[in-house]
Amino acid sequence: PAADEAISAGVAELVEATRAEDGCVAYDAYRSAAVPGVWITVEEWRSQADLDAHLQTALVAKAFEALGPALAGELAIHPLTPA
């Protein structure tokens, strides 16, 4: 559907711009193959301060405003540590 294409385009724009941010080591986005409307980003940042700065950018605010209503469920952030 057109809505899926718009979301894909918005996510691709977010990924490209985020990868250019200072402190971004890696940033990838995935669409769930099992649950429609679920997207996951896997991010690696140089420091917590860099991630915090990213979350305060106009880019992130714009993405949440544009994409948020089209996504399923609530936003969840899960910091990860190596096993």
Protein backbone atom coordinates (compact mmCIF):
# COMPACT_ATOMS: atom_id res chain seq x y z
CA PRO A 1 0.00 0.00 0.00
CA ALA A 2 0.98 3.64 -0.44
CA ALA A 3 1.17 4.15 3.35
CA ASP A 4 3.81 1.42 3.63
CA GLU A 5 5.83 3.05 0.85
CA ALA A 6 5.63 6.43 2.61
CA ILE A 7 6.80 4.88 5.87
CA SER A 8 9.65 3.07 4.09
CA ALA A 9 10.74 6.33 2.46
CA GLY A 10 10.59 8.20 5.78
CA VAL A 11 12.58 5.52 7.57
CA ALA A 12 15.18 5.46 4.78
CA GLU A 13 15.56 9.24 5.09
CA LEU A 14 15.96 8.94 8.87
CA VAL A 15 18.59 6.20 8.52
CA GLU A 16 20.64 8.14 5.98
CA ALA A 17 20.60 11.37 7.99
CA THR A 18 21.30 9.64 11.29
CA ARG A 19 24.31 7.78 9.92
CA ALA A 20 25.85 11.18 9.13
CA GLU A 21 25.50 12.41 12.72
CA ASP A 22 28.58 12.85 14.87
CA GLY A 23 28.85 9.91 17.24
CA CYS A 24 26.78 7.47 15.17
CA VAL A 25 28.75 4.22 14.79
CA ALA A 26 25.94 2.21 13.16
CA TYR A 27 22.23 2.73 12.48
CA ASP A 28 19.97 0.26 10.68
CA ALA A 29 16.19 -0.03 10.45
CA TYR A 30 14.14 -3.16 9.91
CA ARG A 31 10.47 -3.82 9.21
CA SER A 32 8.98 -6.78 11.08
CA ALA A 33 8.13 -9.65 8.76
CA ALA A 34 5.78 -11.02 11.41
CA VAL A 35 3.87 -7.99 12.70
CA PRO A 36 2.62 -5.27 10.30
CA GLY A 37 3.46 -1.72 11.37
CA VAL A 38 6.38 -2.72 13.57
CA TRP A 39 9.78 -1.23 12.81
CA ILE A 40 12.99 -1.74 14.74
CA THR A 41 16.14 0.34 14.67
CA VAL A 42 19.42 -1.14 15.82
CA GLU A 43 21.80 1.63 16.74
CA GLU A 44 25.33 1.94 18.04
CA TRP A 45 26.55 5.25 19.39
CA ARG A 46 30.01 6.36 20.49
CA SER A 47 28.59 7.45 23.85
CA GLN A 48 25.34 7.93 25.74
CA ALA A 49 25.80 11.68 25.28
CA ASP A 50 25.84 11.22 21.49
CA LEU A 51 22.62 9.16 21.64
CA ASP A 52 21.00 11.73 23.92
CA ALA A 53 21.94 14.49 21.46
CA HIS A 54 20.48 12.46 18.58
CA LEU A 55 17.19 12.01 20.41
CA GLN A 56 16.92 15.80 20.79
CA THR A 57 17.43 16.61 17.10
CA ALA A 58 14.77 18.14 14.89
CA LEU A 59 15.25 15.12 12.62
CA VAL A 60 14.00 12.71 15.29
CA ALA A 61 11.11 14.99 16.26
CA LYS A 62 10.09 15.22 12.59
CA ALA A 63 10.30 11.43 12.17
CA PHE A 64 8.15 10.75 15.24
CA GLU A 65 5.61 13.33 14.10
CA ALA A 66 5.42 11.95 10.56
CA LEU A 67 5.80 8.23 11.19
CA GLY A 68 4.49 7.72 14.70
CA PRO A 69 0.76 7.61 13.92
CA ALA A 70 1.34 5.01 11.19
CA LEU A 71 3.28 2.60 13.39
CA ALA A 72 1.76 -0.07 15.63
CA GLY A 73 1.93 0.27 19.41
CA GLU A 74 4.05 2.45 21.61
CA LEU A 75 7.63 3.50 21.09
CA ALA A 76 9.98 1.34 23.13
CA ILE A 77 13.71 1.91 23.59
CA HIS A 78 15.75 -1.02 24.82
CA PRO A 79 19.42 -0.26 25.56
CA LEU A 80 21.44 -3.41 25.01
CA THR A 81 24.60 -4.76 26.58
CA PRO A 82 26.77 -7.54 25.16
CA ALA A 83 25.98 -11.04 26.45
